[in-house]
Protein backbone atom coordinates (compact mmCIF):
# COMPACT_ATOMS: atom_id res chain seq x y z
CA MET A 1 -10.98 -6.74 -8.85
CA LYS A 2 -11.19 -10.36 -7.80
CA ILE A 3 -11.16 -11.01 -4.05
CA ASN A 4 -9.89 -14.42 -2.93
CA ALA A 5 -11.03 -14.91 0.67
CA SER A 6 -9.99 -17.76 2.91
CA GLY A 7 -10.38 -18.43 6.61
CA HIS A 8 -8.52 -20.28 9.32
CA ASN A 9 -10.76 -21.44 12.17
CA ILE A 10 -13.56 -19.37 10.61
CA GLU A 11 -15.98 -19.96 7.77
CA ILE A 12 -16.15 -17.27 5.08
CA ASN A 13 -19.87 -16.92 4.38
CA SER A 14 -21.70 -14.76 1.86
CA THR A 15 -22.17 -11.89 4.36
CA ILE A 16 -18.43 -11.62 4.99
CA ARG A 17 -17.73 -11.89 1.25
CA GLU A 18 -20.20 -9.07 0.47
CA ASP A 19 -18.67 -6.89 3.17
CA LEU A 20 -15.18 -7.47 1.74
CA GLU A 21 -16.36 -6.58 -1.77
CA GLU A 22 -18.04 -3.42 -0.50
CA LYS A 23 -14.99 -2.43 1.58
CA PHE A 24 -12.49 -2.86 -1.25
CA GLU A 25 -14.66 -1.42 -4.05
CA LYS A 26 -13.34 2.10 -3.33
CA ILE A 27 -9.74 0.88 -3.43
CA SER A 28 -10.47 -1.00 -6.64
CA ASN A 29 -11.84 2.16 -8.28
CA ARG A 30 -8.89 4.29 -7.16
CA TYR A 31 -6.22 1.79 -8.25
CA SER A 32 -7.65 0.37 -11.46
CA SER A 33 -4.63 -1.80 -12.29
CA LEU A 34 -5.30 -4.03 -9.26
CA ILE A 35 -6.32 -7.44 -10.55
CA SER A 36 -6.77 -9.52 -7.41
CA LEU A 37 -6.65 -9.31 -3.64
CA ASP A 38 -5.92 -12.25 -1.34
CA VAL A 39 -7.65 -12.00 2.04
CA THR A 40 -6.92 -14.40 4.89
CA ILE A 41 -8.97 -14.15 8.07
CA THR A 42 -7.66 -16.07 11.07
CA LYS A 43 -9.24 -16.48 14.49
CA GLU A 44 -6.90 -17.52 17.29
CA HIS A 45 -7.22 -17.06 21.03
CA GLY A 46 -10.36 -14.93 20.67
CA GLU A 47 -8.68 -12.43 18.32
CA TYR A 48 -9.13 -11.95 14.59
CA GLU A 49 -6.21 -11.30 12.29
CA VAL A 50 -6.80 -10.16 8.71
CA GLU A 51 -3.98 -10.39 6.17
CA LEU A 52 -4.22 -8.73 2.76
CA ARG A 53 -1.88 -9.34 -0.19
CA THR A 54 -1.88 -7.93 -3.70
CA ASN A 55 0.44 -6.91 -6.53
CA TYR A 56 0.43 -3.32 -7.72
CA GLU A 57 2.57 -2.12 -10.60
CA GLY A 58 5.23 -4.79 -10.11
CA ALA A 59 5.45 -4.67 -6.32
CA ALA A 60 3.91 -6.98 -3.75
CA ILE A 61 1.88 -5.03 -1.18
CA ALA A 62 0.80 -6.66 2.09
CA ALA A 63 -1.08 -5.40 5.13
CA SER A 64 -2.56 -6.90 8.27
CA GLY A 65 -4.83 -5.88 11.10
CA LYS A 66 -5.82 -7.41 14.45
CA ASP A 67 -8.79 -6.89 16.71
CA LYS A 68 -11.11 -8.82 18.99
CA VAL A 69 -13.95 -8.16 16.52
CA MET A 70 -13.60 -9.17 12.87
CA TYR A 71 -14.92 -6.06 11.09
CA PRO A 72 -12.61 -3.55 12.84
CA ALA A 73 -9.72 -5.89 12.00
CA ILE A 74 -10.75 -5.73 8.33
CA ASN A 75 -10.94 -1.92 8.54
CA LYS A 76 -7.45 -1.67 10.06
CA ALA A 77 -5.97 -3.90 7.38
CA ALA A 78 -7.78 -1.96 4.62
CA LYS A 79 -6.34 1.36 5.88
CA LYS A 80 -2.84 -0.08 5.91
CA LEU A 81 -3.29 -1.52 2.42
CA GLU A 82 -4.51 1.81 1.09
CA ALA A 83 -1.51 3.56 2.65
CA GLY A 84 0.85 1.03 1.04
CA LEU A 85 -0.78 1.46 -2.36
CA ALA A 86 -0.59 5.26 -2.08
CA HIS A 87 3.09 5.02 -1.16
CA ARG A 88 3.80 2.80 -4.19
CA LYS A 89 1.85 5.15 -6.47
CA GLY A 90 3.89 8.09 -5.14
CA ILE A 91 7.15 6.26 -5.85
CA LEU A 92 6.04 5.54 -9.41
CA LYS A 93 5.05 9.17 -10.02
CA ASP A 94 8.31 10.41 -8.48
CA ASN A 95 10.32 8.31 -10.92
CA LEU A 96 8.60 10.05 -13.86
CA HIS A 97 9.88 13.50 -12.92
CA GLU A 98 13.17 14.71 -14.31
CA LYS A 99 15.72 15.27 -11.60
CA PRO A 100 17.44 18.70 -11.61
CA VAL A 101 21.11 18.81 -12.46
CA VAL A 102 23.15 20.57 -9.78
CA THR A 103 26.02 22.71 -11.11
CA ALA A 104 26.33 25.18 -8.24
CA PRO A 105 29.35 23.64 -6.48
CA GLU A 106 31.49 23.74 -9.66
CA ILE A 107 30.55 27.35 -10.43
CA ALA A 108 31.20 28.44 -6.86
CA TYR A 109 34.59 26.72 -6.90
CA GLU A 110 35.56 28.52 -10.14
CA LYS A 111 34.52 31.93 -8.75
CA ILE A 112 36.54 31.43 -5.57
CA GLN A 113 39.60 30.53 -7.66
CA GLU A 114 39.23 33.74 -9.72
CA MET A 115 39.05 35.92 -6.59
CA LYS A 116 42.27 37.35 -5.32
CA LEU A 117 42.03 36.86 -1.59
CA PRO A 118 44.79 38.27 0.73
């Protein structure tokens, strides 16, 4: 998976890049159809905000995290991204299952009509 990292009011150095690659390697292995991940790290008013964006199976998934320290902000955003990806994967698997056909109301209606109630 290709990670495109950019920063606002912060320089993305090799240490941050390596940490991002290590953090998202697990997600990349679990969701093999992920091609790229856009990471934007912003520092404003002494607080870091990390925004993550990717496309997974035809849907855009985005997540963000804030903290006064950069690495916990990255962790928060990564957890939210993983939850979004798991939700999308669940929706895709749910659509593969055949839905049961409900015939009970019609049968019950017919039986009530056949009964001779006083």
